[in-house]
Amino acid sequence: GTCDSVCLWALKCGVNFEQTHQPWNPFASRNIGKCQGTGVVWALSWAEDDSAIAVGSSDTFVHLFDPKGLDSNPSGFLEELRKLEGHVGVVRSVAFSPRGQGPRRLASGGDDSLVLVWQ
C-alpha cells in the first residue's frame, strides 16, 4: 500500500560501544513527529539550520514543515509552513543549499522534467 505521511524518529546516539559492548540499535528509537497531507512521499530534505523540512510528493507540491514543533506539539503532527506550487508531475527530489553559500535556496525536481529553485 501507499502512505501519505512522513515519520520523524529520535535516534539514540552517542552510545560508546567500548563501554556498553552493544551495537547501536535503530529499533530502540521512537517516532517524534509526522508530516501529513502530502500525497505519496518521494523525497525529503532537512535544512541544516532546522528552519524547515521539505517534502516532495505525488501531489505535485513541495511541502515545507516546521521541525521546531517536535518538542511542543502533543498531536505529533508538524505545522505546514508553505506549499510550493510549480511542478505538474510527481516531485521526486528536494535539496536545500548548504549553509554559508549565499542566500538559502531549495531545489526540487520531478517527473515534469523541471528543476525549480526556490528562495
PDB file of N, CA and C in Angstrom:
ATOM      1  N   GLY A   1       0.815  -1.183   0.000  1.00  0.00           N
ATOM      2  CA  GLY A   1       0.000   0.000   0.000  1.00  0.00           C
ATOM      3  C   GLY A   1       0.856   1.242   0.000  1.00  0.00           C
ATOM      4  N   THR A   2       0.213   2.386  -0.068  1.00  0.00           N
ATOM      5  CA  THR A   2       0.925   3.653  -0.057  1.00  0.00           C
ATOM      6  C   THR A   2       0.648   4.374   1.244  1.00  0.00           C
ATOM      7  N   CYS A   3       1.496   5.318   1.556  1.00  0.00           N
ATOM      8  CA  CYS A   3       1.380   6.078   2.793  1.00  0.00           C
ATOM      9  C   CYS A   3       1.532   7.551   2.454  1.00  0.00           C
ATOM     10  N   ASP A   4       0.751   8.406   3.090  1.00  0.00           N
ATOM     11  CA  ASP A   4       0.845   9.827   2.792  1.00  0.00           C
ATOM     12  C   ASP A   4       1.384  10.608   3.985  1.00  0.00           C
ATOM     13  N   SER A   5       2.289  10.014   4.737  1.00  0.00           N
ATOM     14  CA  SER A   5       2.878  10.750   5.847  1.00  0.00           C
ATOM     15  C   SER A   5       4.363  10.449   5.951  1.00  0.00           C
ATOM     16  N   VAL A   6       5.068  11.343   6.603  1.00  0.00           N
ATOM     17  CA  VAL A   6       6.486  11.190   6.892  1.00  0.00           C
ATOM     18  C   VAL A   6       6.601  11.025   8.391  1.00  0.00           C
ATOM     19  N   CYS A   7       7.308  10.020   8.852  1.00  0.00           N
ATOM     20  CA  CYS A   7       7.542   9.827  10.283  1.00  0.00           C
ATOM     21  C   CYS A   7       8.950  10.276  10.614  1.00  0.00           C
ATOM     22  N   LEU A   8       9.096  11.037  11.679  1.00  0.00           N
ATOM     23  CA  LEU A   8      10.405  11.505  12.128  1.00  0.00           C
ATOM     24  C   LEU A   8      10.782  10.730  13.377  1.00  0.00           C
ATOM     25  N   TRP A   9      12.033  10.336  13.451  1.00  0.00           N
ATOM     26  CA  TRP A   9      12.470   9.454  14.532  1.00  0.00           C
ATOM     27  C   TRP A   9      13.581  10.092  15.339  1.00  0.00           C
ATOM     28  N   ALA A  10      13.518   9.956  16.664  1.00  0.00           N
ATOM     29  CA  ALA A  10      14.611  10.368  17.544  1.00  0.00           C
ATOM     30  C   ALA A  10      15.515   9.154  17.697  1.00  0.00           C
ATOM     31  N   LEU A  11      16.723   9.273  17.215  1.00  0.00           N
ATOM     32  CA  LEU A  11      17.654   8.148  17.269  1.00  0.00           C
ATOM     33  C   LEU A  11      18.469   8.215  18.546  1.00  0.00           C
ATOM     34  N   LYS A  12      18.718   7.072  19.122  1.00  0.00           N
ATOM     35  CA  LYS A  12      19.561   7.015  20.305  1.00  0.00           C
ATOM     36  C   LYS A  12      21.010   7.014  19.829  1.00  0.00           C
ATOM     37  N   CYS A  13      21.658   8.134  19.976  1.00  0.00           N
ATOM     38  CA  CYS A  13      23.039   8.278  19.509  1.00  0.00           C
ATOM     39  C   CYS A  13      23.962   8.517  20.699  1.00  0.00           C
ATOM     40  N   GLY A  14      25.241   8.491  20.442  1.00  0.00           N
ATOM     41  CA  GLY A  14      26.224   8.811  21.457  1.00  0.00           C
ATOM     42  C   GLY A  14      26.524   7.673  22.413  1.00  0.00           C
ATOM     43  N   VAL A  15      26.112   6.474  22.105  1.00  0.00           N
ATOM     44  CA  VAL A  15      26.417   5.338  22.974  1.00  0.00           C
ATOM     45  C   VAL A  15      27.818   4.855  22.649  1.00  0.00           C
ATOM     46  N   ASN A  16      28.630   4.725  23.655  1.00  0.00           N
ATOM     47  CA  ASN A  16      30.006   4.301  23.475  1.00  0.00           C
ATOM     48  C   ASN A  16      30.057   2.775  23.437  1.00  0.00           C
ATOM     49  N   PHE A  17      30.401   2.212  22.284  1.00  0.00           N
ATOM     50  CA  PHE A  17      30.434   0.764  22.112  1.00  0.00           C
ATOM     51  C   PHE A  17      31.431   0.110  23.067  1.00  0.00           C
ATOM     52  N   GLU A  18      32.562   0.766  23.316  1.00  0.00           N
ATOM     53  CA  GLU A  18      33.580   0.170  24.196  1.00  0.00           C
ATOM     54  C   GLU A  18      33.076   0.043  25.632  1.00  0.00           C
ATOM     55  N   GLN A  19      32.180   0.936  26.051  1.00  0.00           N
ATOM     56  CA  GLN A  19      31.646   0.866  27.409  1.00  0.00           C
ATOM     57  C   GLN A  19      30.495  -0.122  27.516  1.00  0.00           C
ATOM     58  N   THR A  20      29.620  -0.165  26.515  1.00  0.00           N
ATOM     59  CA  THR A  20      28.418  -0.985  26.619  1.00  0.00           C
ATOM     60  C   THR A  20      28.550  -2.337  25.927  1.00  0.00           C
ATOM     61  N   HIS A  21      29.458  -2.429  24.955  1.00  0.00           N
ATOM     62  CA  HIS A  21      29.630  -3.630  24.134  1.00  0.00           C
ATOM     63  C   HIS A  21      28.333  -4.015  23.431  1.00  0.00           C
ATOM     64  N   GLN A  22      27.468  -3.004  23.209  1.00  0.00           N
ATOM     65  CA  GLN A  22      26.215  -3.211  22.498  1.00  0.00           C
ATOM     66  C   GLN A  22      26.227  -2.346  21.243  1.00  0.00           C
ATOM     67  N   PRO A  23      25.939  -2.919  20.088  1.00  0.00           N
ATOM     68  CA  PRO A  23      25.872  -2.106  18.876  1.00  0.00           C
ATOM     69  C   PRO A  23      24.675  -1.160  18.928  1.00  0.00           C
ATOM     70  N   TRP A  24      24.736  -0.098  18.145  1.00  0.00           N
ATOM     71  CA  TRP A  24      23.628   0.850  18.054  1.00  0.00           C
ATOM     72  C   TRP A  24      22.410   0.127  17.516  1.00  0.00           C
ATOM     73  N   ASN A  25      21.278   0.335  18.143  1.00  0.00           N
ATOM     74  CA  ASN A  25      20.050  -0.336  17.765  1.00  0.00           C
ATOM     75  C   ASN A  25      19.040   0.700  17.268  1.00  0.00           C
ATOM     76  N   PRO A  26      18.862   0.829  15.940  1.00  0.00           N
ATOM     77  CA  PRO A  26      17.907   1.829  15.451  1.00  0.00           C
ATOM     78  C   PRO A  26      16.474   1.530  15.856  1.00  0.00           C
ATOM     79  N   PHE A  27      16.183   0.293  16.220  1.00  0.00           N
ATOM     80  CA  PHE A  27      14.819  -0.063  16.615  1.00  0.00           C
ATOM     81  C   PHE A  27      14.489   0.394  18.030  1.00  0.00           C
ATOM     82  N   ALA A  28      15.489   0.873  18.766  1.00  0.00           N
ATOM     83  CA  ALA A  28      15.245   1.424  20.094  1.00  0.00           C
ATOM     84  C   ALA A  28      14.849   2.896  20.003  1.00  0.00           C
ATOM     85  N   SER A  29      14.775   3.429  18.805  1.00  0.00           N
ATOM     86  CA  SER A  29      14.403   4.820  18.593  1.00  0.00           C
ATOM     87  C   SER A  29      12.893   4.976  18.714  1.00  0.00           C
ATOM     88  N   ARG A  30      12.431   6.228  18.741  1.00  0.00           N
ATOM     89  CA  ARG A  30      10.999   6.462  18.875  1.00  0.00           C
ATOM     90  C   ARG A  30      10.536   7.494  17.852  1.00  0.00           C
ATOM     91  N   ASN A  31       9.296   7.358  17.416  1.00  0.00           N
ATOM     92  CA  ASN A  31       8.697   8.289  16.476  1.00  0.00           C
ATOM     93  C   ASN A  31       8.398   9.590  17.212  1.00  0.00           C
ATOM     94  N   ILE A  32       8.871  10.733  16.681  1.00  0.00           N
ATOM     95  CA  ILE A  32       8.677  12.009  17.375  1.00  0.00           C
ATOM     96  C   ILE A  32       7.828  13.005  16.596  1.00  0.00           C
ATOM     97  N   GLY A  33       7.423  12.680  15.393  1.00  0.00           N
ATOM     98  CA  GLY A  33       6.593  13.633  14.657  1.00  0.00           C
ATOM     99  C   GLY A  33       6.175  13.104  13.305  1.00  0.00           C
ATOM    100  N   LYS A  34       5.123  13.704  12.747  1.00  0.00           N
ATOM    101  CA  LYS A  34       4.623  13.304  11.439  1.00  0.00           C
ATOM    102  C   LYS A  34       4.268  14.536  10.617  1.00  0.00           C
ATOM    103  N   CYS A  35       4.459  14.403   9.315  1.00  0.00           N
ATOM    104  CA  CYS A  35       4.018  15.408   8.351  1.00  0.00           C
ATOM    105  C   CYS A  35       2.935  14.737   7.538  1.00  0.00           C
ATOM    106  N   GLN A  36       1.727  15.305   7.524  1.00  0.00           N
ATOM    107  CA  GLN A  36       0.636  14.665   6.790  1.00  0.00           C
ATOM    108  C   GLN A  36       0.050  15.579   5.738  1.00  0.00           C
ATOM    109  N   GLY A  37      -0.708  14.951   4.832  1.00  0.00           N
ATOM    110  CA  GLY A  37      -1.395  15.699   3.802  1.00  0.00           C
ATOM    111  C   GLY A  37      -0.542  15.978   2.594  1.00  0.00           C
ATOM    112  N   THR A  38       0.413  15.098   2.318  1.00  0.00           N
ATOM    113  CA  THR A  38       1.378  15.365   1.263  1.00  0.00           C
ATOM    114  C   THR A  38       1.220  14.493   0.035  1.00  0.00           C
ATOM    115  N   GLY A  39       0.322  13.531   0.019  1.00  0.00           N
ATOM    116  CA  GLY A  39       0.331  12.543  -1.053  1.00  0.00           C
ATOM    117  C   GLY A  39       1.436  11.535  -0.761  1.00  0.00           C
ATOM    118  N   VAL A  40       1.744  10.681  -1.723  1.00  0.00           N
ATOM    119  CA  VAL A  40       2.819   9.707  -1.533  1.00  0.00           C
ATOM    120  C   VAL A  40       4.152  10.462  -1.506  1.00  0.00           C
ATOM    121  N   VAL A  41       4.952  10.226  -0.488  1.00  0.00           N
ATOM    122  CA  VAL A  41       6.217  10.940  -0.289  1.00  0.00           C
ATOM    123  C   VAL A  41       7.322  10.280  -1.106  1.00  0.00           C
ATOM    124  N   TRP A  42       8.029  11.101  -1.897  1.00  0.00           N
ATOM    125  CA  TRP A  42       9.139  10.608  -2.720  1.00  0.00           C
ATOM    126  C   TRP A  42      10.481  11.162  -2.287  1.00  0.00           C
ATOM    127  N   ALA A  43      10.496  12.304  -1.602  1.00  0.00           N
ATOM    128  CA  ALA A  43      11.777  12.927  -1.247  1.00  0.00           C
ATOM    129  C   ALA A  43      11.612  13.750   0.025  1.00  0.00           C
ATOM    130  N   LEU A  44      12.716  13.880   0.765  1.00  0.00           N
ATOM    131  CA  LEU A  44      12.717  14.669   1.994  1.00  0.00           C
ATOM    132  C   LEU A  44      14.086  15.295   2.160  1.00  0.00           C
ATOM    133  N   SER A  45      14.124  16.540   2.620  1.00  0.00           N
ATOM    134  CA  SER A  45      15.383  17.214   2.929  1.00  0.00           C
ATOM    135  C   SER A  45      15.164  18.064   4.170  1.00  0.00           C
ATOM    136  N   TRP A  46      16.110  17.990   5.098  1.00  0.00           N
ATOM    137  CA  TRP A  46      16.037  18.745   6.349  1.00  0.00           C
ATOM    138  C   TRP A  46      17.057  19.862   6.260  1.00  0.00           C
ATOM    139  N   ALA A  47      16.613  21.123   6.411  1.00  0.00           N
ATOM    140  CA  ALA A  47      17.521  22.271   6.357  1.00  0.00           C
ATOM    141  C   ALA A  47      18.524  22.190   7.497  1.00  0.00           C
ATOM    142  N   GLU A  48      19.776  22.505   7.192  1.00  0.00           N
ATOM    143  CA  GLU A  48      20.850  22.425   8.195  1.00  0.00           C
ATOM    144  C   GLU A  48      20.591  23.301   9.415  1.00  0.00           C
ATOM    145  N   ASP A  49      19.895  24.427   9.226  1.00  0.00           N
ATOM    146  CA  ASP A  49      19.634  25.339  10.341  1.00  0.00           C
ATOM    147  C   ASP A  49      18.322  25.021  11.065  1.00  0.00           C
ATOM    148  N   ASP A  50      17.724  23.876  10.764  1.00  0.00           N
ATOM    149  CA  ASP A  50      16.468  23.440  11.386  1.00  0.00           C
ATOM    150  C   ASP A  50      15.293  24.371  11.109  1.00  0.00           C
ATOM    151  N   SER A  51      15.369  25.153  10.027  1.00  0.00           N
ATOM    152  CA  SER A  51      14.285  26.082   9.725  1.00  0.00           C
ATOM    153  C   SER A  51      13.112  25.414   9.022  1.00  0.00           C
ATOM    154  N   ALA A  52      13.357  24.282   8.353  1.00  0.00           N
ATOM    155  CA  ALA A  52      12.275  23.629   7.605  1.00  0.00           C
ATOM    156  C   ALA A  52      12.649  22.209   7.218  1.00  0.00           C
ATOM    157  N   ILE A  53      11.612  21.411   6.993  1.00  0.00           N
ATOM    158  CA  ILE A  53      11.738  20.099   6.371  1.00  0.00           C
ATOM    159  C   ILE A  53      10.979  20.195   5.064  1.00  0.00           C
ATOM    160  N   ALA A  54      11.644  19.907   3.952  1.00  0.00           N
ATOM    161  CA  ALA A  54      10.996  19.941   2.636  1.00  0.00           C
ATOM    162  C   ALA A  54      10.619  18.523   2.236  1.00  0.00           C
ATOM    163  N   VAL A  55       9.408  18.361   1.733  1.00  0.00           N
ATOM    164  CA  VAL A  55       8.906  17.056   1.306  1.00  0.00           C
ATOM    165  C   VAL A  55       8.421  17.168  -0.133  1.00  0.00           C
ATOM    166  N   GLY A  56       8.931  16.300  -1.002  1.00  0.00           N
ATOM    167  CA  GLY A  56       8.464  16.205  -2.380  1.00  0.00           C
ATOM    168  C   GLY A  56       7.507  15.038  -2.481  1.00  0.00           C
ATOM    169  N   SER A  57       6.383  15.227  -3.189  1.00  0.00           N
ATOM    170  CA  SER A  57       5.361  14.192  -3.153  1.00  0.00           C
ATOM    171  C   SER A  57       4.615  14.042  -4.470  1.00  0.00           C
ATOM    172  N   SER A  58       3.721  13.069  -4.477  1.00  0.00           N
ATOM    173  CA  SER A  58       2.937  12.749  -5.662  1.00  0.00           C
ATOM    174  C   SER A  58       1.856  13.779  -5.963  1.00  0.00           C
ATOM    175  N   ASP A  59       1.567  14.683  -5.038  1.00  0.00           N
ATOM    176  CA  ASP A  59       0.511  15.671  -5.274  1.00  0.00           C
ATOM    177  C   ASP A  59       1.010  16.887  -6.064  1.00  0.00           C
ATOM    178  N   THR A  60       2.249  16.837  -6.559  1.00  0.00           N
ATOM    179  CA  THR A  60       2.914  17.857  -7.385  1.00  0.00           C
ATOM    180  C   THR A  60       3.393  19.069  -6.603  1.00  0.00           C
ATOM    181  N   PHE A  61       3.271  19.070  -5.286  1.00  0.00           N
ATOM    182  CA  PHE A  61       3.717  20.198  -4.473  1.00  0.00           C
ATOM    183  C   PHE A  61       5.002  19.857  -3.720  1.00  0.00           C
ATOM    184  N   VAL A  62       5.722  20.907  -3.337  1.00  0.00           N
ATOM    185  CA  VAL A  62       6.797  20.794  -2.353  1.00  0.00           C
ATOM    186  C   VAL A  62       6.207  21.358  -1.067  1.00  0.00           C
ATOM    187  N   HIS A  63       6.174  20.534  -0.027  1.00  0.00           N
ATOM    188  CA  HIS A  63       5.610  20.951   1.258  1.00  0.00           C
ATOM    189  C   HIS A  63       6.755  21.306   2.197  1.00  0.00           C
ATOM    190  N   LEU A  64       6.616  22.428   2.908  1.00  0.00           N
ATOM    191  CA  LEU A  64       7.602  22.825   3.909  1.00  0.00           C
ATOM    192  C   LEU A  64       6.959  22.723   5.288  1.00  0.00           C
ATOM    193  N   PHE A  65       7.600  21.961   6.162  1.00  0.00           N
ATOM    194  CA  PHE A  65       7.101  21.767   7.527  1.00  0.00           C
ATOM    195  C   PHE A  65       8.068  22.368   8.532  1.00  0.00           C
ATOM    196  N   ASP A  66       7.539  22.746   9.703  1.00  0.00           N
ATOM    197  CA  ASP A  66       8.323  23.357  10.775  1.00  0.00           C
ATOM    198  C   ASP A  66       8.802  22.287  11.751  1.00  0.00           C
ATOM    199  N   PRO A  67      10.109  21.959  11.753  1.00  0.00           N
ATOM    200  CA  PRO A  67      10.601  20.936  12.683  1.00  0.00           C
ATOM    201  C   PRO A  67      10.686  21.430  14.125  1.00  0.00           C
ATOM    202  N   LYS A  68      10.572  22.731  14.342  1.00  0.00           N
ATOM    203  CA  LYS A  68      10.691  23.272  15.701  1.00  0.00           C
ATOM    204  C   LYS A  68       9.529  22.861  16.590  1.00  0.00           C
ATOM    205  N   GLY A  69       8.431  22.399  15.997  1.00  0.00           N
ATOM    206  CA  GLY A  69       7.289  21.968  16.782  1.00  0.00           C
ATOM    207  C   GLY A  69       7.405  20.561  17.322  1.00  0.00           C
ATOM    208  N   LEU A  70       8.525  19.892  17.068  1.00  0.00           N
ATOM    209  CA  LEU A  70       8.669  18.499  17.501  1.00  0.00           C
ATOM    210  C   LEU A  70       8.527  18.327  19.003  1.00  0.00           C
ATOM    211  N   ASP A  71       9.091  19.266  19.771  1.00  0.00           N
ATOM    212  CA  ASP A  71       9.082  19.114  21.224  1.00  0.00           C
ATOM    213  C   ASP A  71       7.826  19.653  21.881  1.00  0.00           C
ATOM    214  N   SER A  72       7.093  20.520  21.170  1.00  0.00           N
ATOM    215  CA  SER A  72       5.967  21.185  21.819  1.00  0.00           C
ATOM    216  C   SER A  72       4.600  20.787  21.278  1.00  0.00           C
ATOM    217  N   ASN A  73       4.551  19.931  20.277  1.00  0.00           N
ATOM    218  CA  ASN A  73       3.276  19.587  19.656  1.00  0.00           C
ATOM    219  C   ASN A  73       2.784  18.232  20.166  1.00  0.00           C
ATOM    220  N   PRO A  74       1.778  18.214  21.043  1.00  0.00           N
ATOM    221  CA  PRO A  74       1.311  16.946  21.613  1.00  0.00           C
ATOM    222  C   PRO A  74       0.634  16.025  20.593  1.00  0.00           C
ATOM    223  N   SER A  75       0.119  16.580  19.489  1.00  0.00           N
ATOM    224  CA  SER A  75      -0.558  15.739  18.497  1.00  0.00           C
ATOM    225  C   SER A  75       0.428  14.924  17.673  1.00  0.00           C
ATOM    226  N   GLY A  76       1.693  15.356  17.639  1.00  0.00           N
ATOM    227  CA  GLY A  76       2.704  14.652  16.860  1.00  0.00           C
ATOM    228  C   GLY A  76       2.764  15.084  15.409  1.00  0.00           C
ATOM    229  N   PHE A  77       1.857  15.959  14.962  1.00  0.00           N
ATOM    230  CA  PHE A  77       1.860  16.421  13.584  1.00  0.00           C
ATOM    231  C   PHE A  77       2.527  17.787  13.496  1.00  0.00           C
ATOM    232  N   LEU A  78       3.414  17.926  12.525  1.00  0.00           N
ATOM    233  CA  LEU A  78       4.124  19.187  12.359  1.00  0.00           C
ATOM    234  C   LEU A  78       3.284  20.189  11.562  1.00  0.00           C
ATOM    235  N   GLU A  79       3.495  21.457  11.853  1.00  0.00           N
ATOM    236  CA  GLU A  79       2.786  22.526  11.149  1.00  0.00           C
ATOM    237  C   GLU A  79       3.367  22.697   9.750  1.00  0.00           C
ATOM    238  N   GLU A  80       2.492  22.780   8.756  1.00  0.00           N
ATOM    239  CA  GLU A  80       2.949  23.052   7.393  1.00  0.00           C
ATOM    240  C   GLU A  80       3.157  24.557   7.255  1.00  0.00           C
ATOM    241  N   LEU A  81       4.386  24.949   6.898  1.00  0.00           N
ATOM    242  CA  LEU A  81       4.727  26.358   6.750  1.00  0.00           C
ATOM    243  C   LEU A  81       4.249  26.916   5.416  1.00  0.00           C
ATOM    244  N   ARG A  82       4.496  26.170   4.353  1.00  0.00           N
ATOM    245  CA  ARG A  82       4.135  26.601   2.997  1.00  0.00           C
ATOM    246  C   ARG A  82       3.954  25.390   2.112  1.00  0.00           C
ATOM    247  N   LYS A  83       3.224  25.605   1.040  1.00  0.00           N
ATOM    248  CA  LYS A  83       3.083  24.595  -0.007  1.00  0.00           C
ATOM    249  C   LYS A  83       3.509  25.283  -1.298  1.00  0.00           C
ATOM    250  N   LEU A  84       4.618  24.809  -1.896  1.00  0.00           N
ATOM    251  CA  LEU A  84       5.178  25.439  -3.083  1.00  0.00           C
ATOM    252  C   LEU A  84       4.592  24.795  -4.332  1.00  0.00           C
ATOM    253  N   GLU A  85       4.017  25.615  -5.185  1.00  0.00           N
ATOM    254  CA  GLU A  85       3.345  25.144  -6.390  1.00  0.00           C
ATOM    255  C   GLU A  85       4.176  25.530  -7.610  1.00  0.00           C
ATOM    256  N   GLY A  86       4.335  24.604  -8.548  1.00  0.00           N
ATOM    257  CA  GLY A  86       5.076  24.901  -9.765  1.00  0.00           C
ATOM    258  C   GLY A  86       5.312  23.672 -10.619  1.00  0.00           C
ATOM    259  N   HIS A  87       5.348  22.512  -9.996  1.00  0.00           N
ATOM    260  CA  HIS A  87       5.506  21.265 -10.738  1.00  0.00           C
ATOM    261  C   HIS A  87       4.153  20.787 -11.256  1.00  0.00           C
ATOM    262  N   VAL A  88       4.170  20.047 -12.361  1.00  0.00           N
ATOM    263  CA  VAL A  88       2.943  19.461 -12.887  1.00  0.00           C
ATOM    264  C   VAL A  88       3.013  17.936 -12.866  1.00  0.00           C
ATOM    265  N   GLY A  89       4.029  17.409 -12.215  1.00  0.00           N
ATOM    266  CA  GLY A  89       4.191  15.965 -12.052  1.00  0.00           C
ATOM    267  C   GLY A  89       4.686  15.665 -10.646  1.00  0.00           C
ATOM    268  N   VAL A  90       4.904  14.400 -10.372  1.00  0.00           N
ATOM    269  CA  VAL A  90       5.412  13.960  -9.069  1.00  0.00           C
ATOM    270  C   VAL A  90       6.739  14.654  -8.773  1.00  0.00           C
ATOM    271  N   VAL A  91       6.908  15.157  -7.551  1.00  0.00           N
ATOM    272  CA  VAL A  91       8.169  15.771  -7.121  1.00  0.00           C
ATOM    273  C   VAL A  91       9.017  14.667  -6.498  1.00  0.00           C
ATOM    274  N   ARG A  92      10.131  14.327  -7.155  1.00  0.00           N
ATOM    275  CA  ARG A  92      10.940  13.179  -6.734  1.00  0.00           C
ATOM    276  C   ARG A  92      12.242  13.546  -6.035  1.00  0.00           C
ATOM    277  N   SER A  93      12.595  14.836  -6.017  1.00  0.00           N
ATOM    278  CA  SER A  93      13.821  15.215  -5.305  1.00  0.00           C
ATOM    279  C   SER A  93      13.683  16.633  -4.763  1.00  0.00           C
ATOM    280  N   VAL A  94      14.242  16.843  -3.572  1.00  0.00           N
ATOM    281  CA  VAL A  94      14.319  18.163  -2.940  1.00  0.00           C
ATOM    282  C   VAL A  94      15.652  18.256  -2.224  1.00  0.00           C
ATOM    283  N   ALA A  95      16.266  19.452  -2.258  1.00  0.00           N
ATOM    284  CA  ALA A  95      17.551  19.638  -1.577  1.00  0.00           C
ATOM    285  C   ALA A  95      17.724  21.102  -1.219  1.00  0.00           C
ATOM    286  N   PHE A  96      18.150  21.349   0.029  1.00  0.00           N
ATOM    287  CA  PHE A  96      18.477  22.705   0.466  1.00  0.00           C
ATOM    288  C   PHE A  96      19.917  23.014   0.093  1.00  0.00           C
ATOM    289  N   SER A  97      20.186  24.290  -0.181  1.00  0.00           N
ATOM    290  CA  SER A  97      21.564  24.713  -0.426  1.00  0.00           C
ATOM    291  C   SER A  97      22.335  24.659   0.891  1.00  0.00           C
ATOM    292  N   PRO A  98      23.672  24.490   0.817  1.00  0.00           N
ATOM    293  CA  PRO A  98      24.471  24.435   2.047  1.00  0.00           C
ATOM    294  C   PRO A  98      24.481  25.779   2.782  1.00  0.00           C
ATOM    295  N   ARG A  99      24.670  25.720   4.081  1.00  0.00           N
ATOM    296  CA  ARG A  99      24.795  26.941   4.884  1.00  0.00           C
ATOM    297  C   ARG A  99      26.042  27.700   4.474  1.00  0.00           C
ATOM    298  N   GLY A 100      25.969  29.016   4.555  1.00  0.00           N
ATOM    299  CA  GLY A 100      27.130  29.844   4.279  1.00  0.00           C
ATOM    300  C   GLY A 100      27.450  30.005   2.809  1.00  0.00           C
ATOM    301  N   GLN A 101      26.571  29.564   1.932  1.00  0.00           N
ATOM    302  CA  GLN A 101      26.805  29.656   0.491  1.00  0.00           C
ATOM    303  C   GLN A 101      25.857  30.671  -0.145  1.00  0.00           C
ATOM    304  N   GLY A 102      25.681  31.819   0.467  1.00  0.00           N
ATOM    305  CA  GLY A 102      24.766  32.824  -0.056  1.00  0.00           C
ATOM    306  C   GLY A 102      23.383  32.627   0.519  1.00  0.00           C
ATOM    307  N   PRO A 103      22.368  33.191  -0.156  1.00  0.00           N
ATOM    308  CA  PRO A 103      21.004  33.071   0.375  1.00  0.00           C
ATOM    309  C   PRO A 103      20.520  31.618   0.370  1.00  0.00           C
ATOM    310  N   ARG A 104      19.681  31.302   1.346  1.00  0.00           N
ATOM    311  CA  ARG A 104      19.120  29.947   1.462  1.00  0.00           C
ATOM    312  C   ARG A 104      18.225  29.668   0.265  1.00  0.00           C
ATOM    313  N   ARG A 105      18.443  28.530  -0.371  1.00  0.00           N
ATOM    314  CA  ARG A 105      17.625  28.127  -1.515  1.00  0.00           C
ATOM    315  C   ARG A 105      17.225  26.663  -1.360  1.00  0.00           C
ATOM    316  N   LEU A 106      16.174  26.301  -2.097  1.00  0.00           N
ATOM    317  CA  LEU A 106      15.700  24.929  -2.144  1.00  0.00           C
ATOM    318  C   LEU A 106      15.504  24.576  -3.610  1.00  0.00           C
ATOM    319  N   ALA A 107      16.029  23.447  -4.031  1.00  0.00           N
ATOM    320  CA  ALA A 107      15.826  22.970  -5.398  1.00  0.00           C
ATOM    321  C   ALA A 107      14.907  21.755  -5.355  1.00  0.00           C
ATOM    322  N   SER A 108      14.046  21.648  -6.371  1.00  0.00           N
ATOM    323  CA  SER A 108      13.164  20.493  -6.475  1.00  0.00           C
ATOM    324  C   SER A 108      13.132  20.029  -7.928  1.00  0.00           C
ATOM    325  N   GLY A 109      12.983  18.723  -8.095  1.00  0.00           N
ATOM    326  CA  GLY A 109      12.910  18.151  -9.439  1.00  0.00           C
ATOM    327  C   GLY A 109      11.851  17.075  -9.479  1.00  0.00           C
ATOM    328  N   GLY A 110      11.291  16.860 -10.674  1.00  0.00           N
ATOM    329  CA  GLY A 110      10.223  15.881 -10.740  1.00  0.00           C
ATOM    330  C   GLY A 110      10.017  15.272 -12.103  1.00  0.00           C
ATOM    331  N   ASP A 111       8.933  14.529 -12.201  1.00  0.00           N
ATOM    332  CA  ASP A 111       8.574  13.827 -13.427  1.00  0.00           C
ATOM    333  C   ASP A 111       8.246  14.765 -14.583  1.00  0.00           C
ATOM    334  N   ASP A 112       8.031  16.050 -14.301  1.00  0.00           N
ATOM    335  CA  ASP A 112       7.730  17.006 -15.355  1.00  0.00           C
ATOM    336  C   ASP A 112       8.987  17.522 -16.052  1.00  0.00           C
ATOM    337  N   SER A 113      10.142  16.951 -15.702  1.00  0.00           N
ATOM    338  CA  SER A 113      11.450  17.324 -16.265  1.00  0.00           C
ATOM    339  C   SER A 113      11.880  18.738 -15.893  1.00  0.00           C
ATOM    340  N   LEU A 114      11.298  19.295 -14.845  1.00  0.00           N
ATOM    341  CA  LEU A 114      11.670  20.620 -14.381  1.00  0.00           C
ATOM    342  C   LEU A 114      12.527  20.528 -13.130  1.00  0.00           C
ATOM    343  N   VAL A 115      13.486  21.437 -13.039  1.00  0.00           N
ATOM    344  CA  VAL A 115      14.211  21.669 -11.793  1.00  0.00           C
ATOM    345  C   VAL A 115      13.856  23.093 -11.401  1.00  0.00           C
ATOM    346  N   LEU A 116      13.203  23.250 -10.279  1.00  0.00           N
ATOM    347  CA  LEU A 116      12.796  24.572  -9.801  1.00  0.00           C
ATOM    348  C   LEU A 116      13.663  24.954  -8.616  1.00  0.00           C
ATOM    349  N   VAL A 117      14.073  26.218  -8.561  1.00  0.00           N
ATOM    350  CA  VAL A 117      14.875  26.733  -7.447  1.00  0.00           C
ATOM    351  C   VAL A 117      14.032  27.775  -6.730  1.00  0.00           C
ATOM    352  N   TRP A 118      13.857  27.571  -5.422  1.00  0.00           N
ATOM    353  CA  TRP A 118      13.016  28.414  -4.586  1.00  0.00           C
ATOM    354  C   TRP A 118      13.900  29.209  -3.644  1.00  0.00           C
ATOM    355  N   GLN A 119      13.500  30.471  -3.388  1.00  0.00           N
ATOM    356  CA  GLN A 119      14.261  31.280  -2.429  1.00  0.00           C
ATOM    357  C   GLN A 119      13.324  31.840  -1.395  1.00  0.00           C
TER     358      GLN A 119
END
